[in-house]
Amino acid sequence: MKKTENIKVNYYFDEAGDPNILGRKGVNLIEKGQASKIFMVGYFESKNPKELSKTIEDLRQEIINDDYYKEIPSIKKTAKMFHATDDCQEVREKVFRLLKKSDFTFYCIVARKKEDLFRKKFDLQSAKLYEYLVSKLLENRLHLYSEIDLYFSAMGNTVRQKNMSDAVNKAIAIFEEKWGKKNENKIRTFIQQTSEITLLQAADYVLWTIQRAYQNGDFRYYNYIKEKIALVHDIFDFVKYPKNYYTPKNPLEAKKIDPV
């Protein structure tokens, strides 16, 4: 168990994919190709959030004020915030080049969407799924720093103050039971709009690279910044268990995560 550092650190959470499995009349949306096969939650850990936020925001202002980009339709969305899915390729390149040289660490948990499992474990409720994934991500990560602020990207009724606080408290309880050590660190939880918090936008970009690898077999972006991605836990890949943890030393590869 690592000792607690006496510093303040921020965690910025975002999600990718969708948590839905069933549609109207119980139709399986995954089988119909109308829902993602995976749902993932990840967080961007920063020890210098103000400095990094300013650097990323300066880049966004530079882009939206550059005449080269003004005729690109997606720049209207970029003017509000960075979003990996919506931003054009030229913008993505600039953001990824900045992230590659920035100081941060990323942690992610991937949930393969299986109807029977999700029905039994989460009653097919997205809020319960999200809460569970957050608690699993944090159960070994909340004792590391004396003060931690957690920022969650708002997601309707799925991400609310109460269930995110419940996820944090559950993670703390699991850690205390495992190690017999009480967590007395200062931990605060905030629900924010992604457009309001620059590093939530950075979290979106990193999560997008993992999503592309899983859903499209495209590892280009993940490989470019994989040294920043400390963990991808493919939690419901029972075939690979216990080797379903991916790190810079054991990076994601198609042969490891197929089939999804």
Protein backbone atom coordinates (compact mmCIF):
# COMPACT_ATOMS: atom_id res chain seq x y z
CA MET A 1 0.00 0.00 0.00
CA LYS A 2 1.40 3.38 -1.03
CA LYS A 3 1.72 6.14 1.53
CA THR A 4 -0.43 9.26 1.35
CA GLU A 5 1.20 12.28 -0.29
CA ASN A 6 0.46 15.58 1.42
CA ILE A 7 -0.76 17.35 -1.72
CA LYS A 8 -4.02 18.26 -3.42
CA VAL A 9 -4.90 16.41 -6.65
CA ASN A 10 -7.96 16.63 -8.92
CA TYR A 11 -9.71 13.74 -10.68
CA TYR A 12 -11.90 14.50 -13.73
CA PHE A 13 -14.42 11.82 -14.72
CA ASP A 14 -16.11 11.22 -18.06
CA GLU A 15 -17.82 8.31 -19.80
CA ALA A 16 -17.93 6.85 -23.32
CA GLY A 17 -20.41 4.62 -25.05
CA ASP A 18 -23.91 4.35 -23.62
CA PRO A 19 -25.22 2.28 -20.70
CA ASN A 20 -28.42 1.14 -22.47
CA ILE A 21 -29.16 -2.44 -23.43
CA LEU A 22 -32.94 -2.69 -23.89
CA GLY A 23 -35.26 -0.44 -25.85
CA ARG A 24 -39.02 -0.38 -26.24
CA LYS A 25 -40.80 -3.71 -25.76
CA GLY A 26 -37.60 -5.23 -24.44
CA VAL A 27 -35.73 -5.11 -27.73
CA ASN A 28 -32.00 -5.72 -27.30
CA LEU A 29 -30.47 -2.54 -28.74
CA ILE A 30 -26.98 -4.04 -28.96
CA GLU A 31 -28.16 -6.87 -31.18
CA LYS A 32 -29.95 -4.32 -33.38
CA GLY A 33 -26.78 -2.23 -33.68
CA GLN A 34 -28.48 0.69 -31.93
CA ALA A 35 -26.36 0.75 -28.79
CA SER A 36 -22.67 0.42 -28.01
CA LYS A 37 -21.26 -2.96 -26.99
CA ILE A 38 -19.30 -1.39 -24.16
CA PHE A 39 -19.67 1.37 -21.60
CA MET A 40 -16.63 2.90 -19.99
CA VAL A 41 -15.78 5.39 -17.28
CA GLY A 42 -12.40 7.02 -16.85
CA TYR A 43 -10.73 9.82 -14.97
CA PHE A 44 -7.98 12.28 -15.73
CA GLU A 45 -5.66 12.83 -12.76
CA SER A 46 -3.87 16.16 -12.52
CA LYS A 47 -1.56 17.64 -9.89
CA ASN A 48 -1.43 21.01 -11.68
CA PRO A 49 -5.00 21.53 -12.94
CA LYS A 50 -4.92 25.33 -13.15
CA GLU A 51 -1.77 25.43 -15.27
CA LEU A 52 -2.86 22.62 -17.54
CA SER A 53 -6.39 24.01 -17.92
CA LYS A 54 -4.94 27.35 -19.00
CA THR A 55 -2.65 25.68 -21.54
CA ILE A 56 -5.54 23.76 -23.09
CA GLU A 57 -7.86 26.77 -23.06
CA ASP A 58 -5.15 28.91 -24.68
CA LEU A 59 -4.97 26.34 -27.48
CA ARG A 60 -8.75 26.46 -27.96
CA GLN A 61 -8.70 30.24 -28.20
CA GLU A 62 -5.83 30.09 -30.67
CA ILE A 63 -7.79 27.68 -32.86
CA ILE A 64 -11.12 29.53 -32.86
CA ASN A 65 -9.37 32.83 -33.65
CA ASP A 66 -7.35 31.38 -36.54
CA ASP A 67 -8.77 32.17 -39.98
CA TYR A 68 -7.55 28.81 -41.26
CA TYR A 69 -10.27 27.04 -39.26
CA LYS A 70 -13.18 29.47 -39.46
CA GLU A 71 -14.85 27.83 -42.48
CA ILE A 72 -14.89 24.38 -40.86
CA PRO A 73 -18.45 23.71 -39.61
CA SER A 74 -17.37 21.90 -36.44
CA ILE A 75 -15.44 24.96 -35.23
CA LYS A 76 -18.75 26.34 -33.95
CA LYS A 77 -18.80 23.45 -31.48
CA THR A 78 -15.10 23.79 -30.72
CA ALA A 79 -15.78 27.44 -29.84
CA LYS A 80 -17.85 26.14 -26.91
CA MET A 81 -15.56 23.30 -25.87
CA PHE A 82 -13.24 20.58 -27.12
CA HIS A 83 -14.98 17.29 -27.88
CA ALA A 84 -13.09 14.51 -29.59
CA THR A 85 -16.08 13.16 -31.53
CA ASP A 86 -17.09 16.56 -32.91
CA ASP A 87 -13.73 18.24 -33.46
CA CYS A 88 -12.19 18.12 -36.94
CA GLN A 89 -9.00 16.17 -37.57
CA GLU A 90 -6.79 19.28 -37.60
CA VAL A 91 -8.06 20.24 -34.15
CA ARG A 92 -7.68 16.70 -32.82
CA GLU A 93 -4.05 16.64 -33.88
CA LYS A 94 -3.30 19.82 -31.95
CA VAL A 95 -5.07 18.58 -28.84
CA PHE A 96 -3.34 15.20 -28.90
CA ARG A 97 0.08 16.76 -29.42
CA LEU A 98 -0.55 18.99 -26.40
CA LEU A 99 -1.78 16.09 -24.26
CA LYS A 100 1.23 13.95 -25.15
CA LYS A 101 3.61 16.50 -23.61
CA SER A 102 1.36 17.32 -20.64
CA ASP A 103 1.66 16.00 -17.10
CA PHE A 104 -1.33 13.82 -16.22
CA THR A 105 -2.33 10.20 -15.65
CA PHE A 106 -5.48 8.44 -16.84
CA TYR A 107 -7.41 5.50 -15.38
CA CYS A 108 -10.27 3.71 -17.12
CA ILE A 109 -12.69 0.85 -16.49
CA VAL A 110 -14.48 -0.88 -19.38
CA ALA A 111 -17.79 -2.72 -18.99
CA ARG A 112 -18.78 -5.19 -21.70
CA LYS A 113 -22.57 -4.95 -21.91
CA LYS A 114 -24.15 -8.34 -21.25
CA GLU A 115 -27.91 -8.40 -20.69
CA ASP A 116 -28.02 -11.23 -18.16
CA LEU A 117 -25.17 -9.80 -16.10
CA PHE A 118 -26.50 -6.24 -16.18
CA ARG A 119 -30.00 -7.40 -15.26
CA LYS A 120 -28.75 -9.43 -12.28
CA LYS A 121 -26.10 -7.01 -11.03
CA PHE A 122 -27.57 -3.60 -11.86
CA ASP A 123 -31.25 -4.27 -12.60
CA LEU A 124 -30.47 -2.67 -15.99
CA GLN A 125 -30.22 0.73 -14.27
CA SER A 126 -27.54 3.02 -15.68
CA ALA A 127 -27.11 4.92 -12.42
CA LYS A 128 -26.27 1.70 -10.55
CA LEU A 129 -23.82 0.68 -13.28
CA TYR A 130 -22.05 4.05 -13.24
CA GLU A 131 -21.86 4.08 -9.46
CA TYR A 132 -20.35 0.59 -9.44
CA LEU A 133 -17.71 1.43 -12.05
CA VAL A 134 -16.68 4.59 -10.21
CA SER A 135 -16.34 2.75 -6.90
CA LYS A 136 -14.22 0.03 -8.54
CA LEU A 137 -11.98 2.65 -10.15
CA LEU A 138 -11.45 4.47 -6.86
CA GLU A 139 -11.20 1.73 -4.25
CA ASN A 140 -7.39 1.80 -4.37
CA ARG A 141 -6.95 5.45 -5.37
CA LEU A 142 -8.52 7.62 -2.65
CA HIS A 143 -5.83 7.16 0.01
CA LEU A 144 -3.01 8.41 -2.20
CA TYR A 145 -3.37 12.18 -1.63
CA SER A 146 -4.32 14.19 1.44
CA GLU A 147 -6.86 16.24 -0.53
CA ILE A 148 -8.77 15.16 -3.65
CA ASP A 149 -11.43 17.00 -5.62
CA LEU A 150 -13.48 14.77 -7.93
CA TYR A 151 -15.25 16.37 -10.89
CA PHE A 152 -17.90 14.37 -12.73
CA SER A 153 -19.31 15.25 -16.13
CA ALA A 154 -23.07 15.66 -15.72
CA MET A 155 -25.12 12.87 -17.30
CA GLY A 156 -28.83 13.35 -16.59
CA ASN A 157 -30.12 11.13 -13.78
CA THR A 158 -27.19 8.73 -14.18
CA VAL A 159 -24.61 11.05 -12.61
CA ARG A 160 -25.97 12.83 -9.56
CA GLN A 161 -24.38 14.21 -6.41
CA LYS A 162 -25.85 11.47 -4.22
CA ASN A 163 -24.89 8.42 -6.23
CA MET A 164 -21.39 9.72 -6.96
CA SER A 165 -20.92 10.44 -3.25
CA ASP A 166 -22.22 6.93 -2.55
CA ALA A 167 -19.67 5.52 -5.00
CA VAL A 168 -16.86 7.38 -3.26
CA ASN A 169 -18.00 6.24 0.19
CA LYS A 170 -18.26 2.63 -1.00
CA ALA A 171 -14.73 2.79 -2.43
CA ILE A 172 -13.44 4.14 0.88
CA ALA A 173 -15.24 1.41 2.83
CA ILE A 174 -13.80 -1.35 0.61
CA PHE A 175 -10.28 0.04 1.06
CA GLU A 176 -10.65 0.35 4.84
CA GLU A 177 -11.94 -3.21 5.13
CA LYS A 178 -9.12 -4.54 2.97
CA TRP A 179 -6.27 -2.69 4.65
CA GLY A 180 -7.64 -1.90 8.12
CA LYS A 181 -6.68 1.74 7.65
CA LYS A 182 -9.15 4.61 7.99
CA ASN A 183 -9.18 7.21 5.22
CA GLU A 184 -9.13 10.67 6.79
CA ASN A 185 -8.24 12.56 3.63
CA LYS A 186 -10.32 15.54 2.48
CA ILE A 187 -12.39 14.37 -0.49
CA ARG A 188 -14.96 16.53 -2.29
CA THR A 189 -17.32 15.65 -5.14
CA PHE A 190 -18.65 18.01 -7.83
CA ILE A 191 -21.03 17.50 -10.74
CA GLN A 192 -20.23 19.88 -13.63
CA GLN A 193 -21.08 20.53 -17.24
CA THR A 194 -18.19 19.48 -19.49
CA SER A 195 -18.20 22.89 -21.19
CA GLU A 196 -17.44 24.54 -17.84
CA ILE A 197 -14.38 22.46 -16.89
CA THR A 198 -11.52 22.26 -19.36
CA LEU A 199 -10.00 19.09 -17.92
CA LEU A 200 -13.30 17.25 -18.32
CA GLN A 201 -12.79 17.94 -22.02
CA ALA A 202 -9.27 16.51 -21.76
CA ALA A 203 -10.73 13.40 -20.09
CA ASP A 204 -13.14 13.07 -23.03
CA TYR A 205 -10.22 13.07 -25.47
CA VAL A 206 -8.29 10.34 -23.66
CA LEU A 207 -11.38 8.20 -23.18
CA TRP A 208 -12.13 8.54 -26.90
CA THR A 209 -8.81 6.86 -27.73
CA ILE A 210 -9.77 3.79 -25.68
CA GLN A 211 -13.27 3.73 -27.13
CA ARG A 212 -11.84 3.81 -30.67
CA ALA A 213 -9.61 0.85 -29.85
CA TYR A 214 -12.49 -1.25 -28.56
CA GLN A 215 -15.24 -0.28 -30.97
CA ASN A 216 -13.33 0.37 -34.18
CA GLY A 217 -10.11 -1.59 -33.77
CA ASP A 218 -8.31 1.74 -34.26
CA PHE A 219 -5.29 1.91 -31.93
CA ARG A 220 -3.62 4.91 -33.56
CA TYR A 221 -4.69 7.49 -30.96
CA TYR A 222 -4.38 5.17 -27.97
CA ASN A 223 -0.84 4.20 -28.98
CA TYR A 224 0.13 7.85 -29.34
CA ILE A 225 -0.60 8.64 -25.67
CA LYS A 226 -0.57 5.17 -24.09
CA GLU A 227 2.23 6.12 -21.69
CA LYS A 228 -0.28 8.49 -20.03
CA ILE A 229 -2.92 5.78 -19.58
CA ALA A 230 -1.97 4.02 -16.36
CA LEU A 231 -4.82 1.53 -16.37
CA VAL A 232 -7.58 0.09 -18.53
CA HIS A 233 -9.51 -2.49 -16.51
CA ASP A 234 -11.70 -4.63 -18.76
CA ILE A 235 -13.76 -5.67 -15.75
CA PHE A 236 -16.24 -8.08 -17.36
CA ASP A 237 -13.79 -9.83 -19.66
CA PHE A 238 -13.98 -13.06 -17.70
CA VAL A 239 -12.18 -14.99 -20.43
CA LYS A 240 -8.98 -12.99 -19.91
CA TYR A 241 -9.32 -12.74 -16.12
CA PRO A 242 -7.04 -12.16 -14.21
CA LYS A 243 -5.09 -10.72 -17.14
CA ASN A 244 -7.78 -8.14 -17.95
CA TYR A 245 -5.73 -5.17 -16.74
CA TYR A 246 -3.87 -3.11 -19.34
CA THR A 247 -1.04 -0.68 -18.58
CA PRO A 248 1.80 1.02 -20.50
CA LYS A 249 3.84 -2.16 -19.92
CA ASN A 250 0.95 -4.37 -21.03
CA PRO A 251 -0.85 -2.11 -23.53
CA LEU A 252 -4.11 -2.73 -25.30
CA GLU A 253 -3.81 -4.76 -28.49
CA ALA A 254 -6.51 -6.17 -30.75
CA LYS A 255 -5.55 -9.77 -30.01
CA LYS A 256 -5.95 -9.12 -26.28
CA ILE A 257 -9.38 -7.51 -26.28
CA ASP A 258 -11.16 -9.35 -29.11
CA PRO A 259 -13.90 -10.25 -29.39
CA VAL A 260 -15.98 -7.38 -28.00
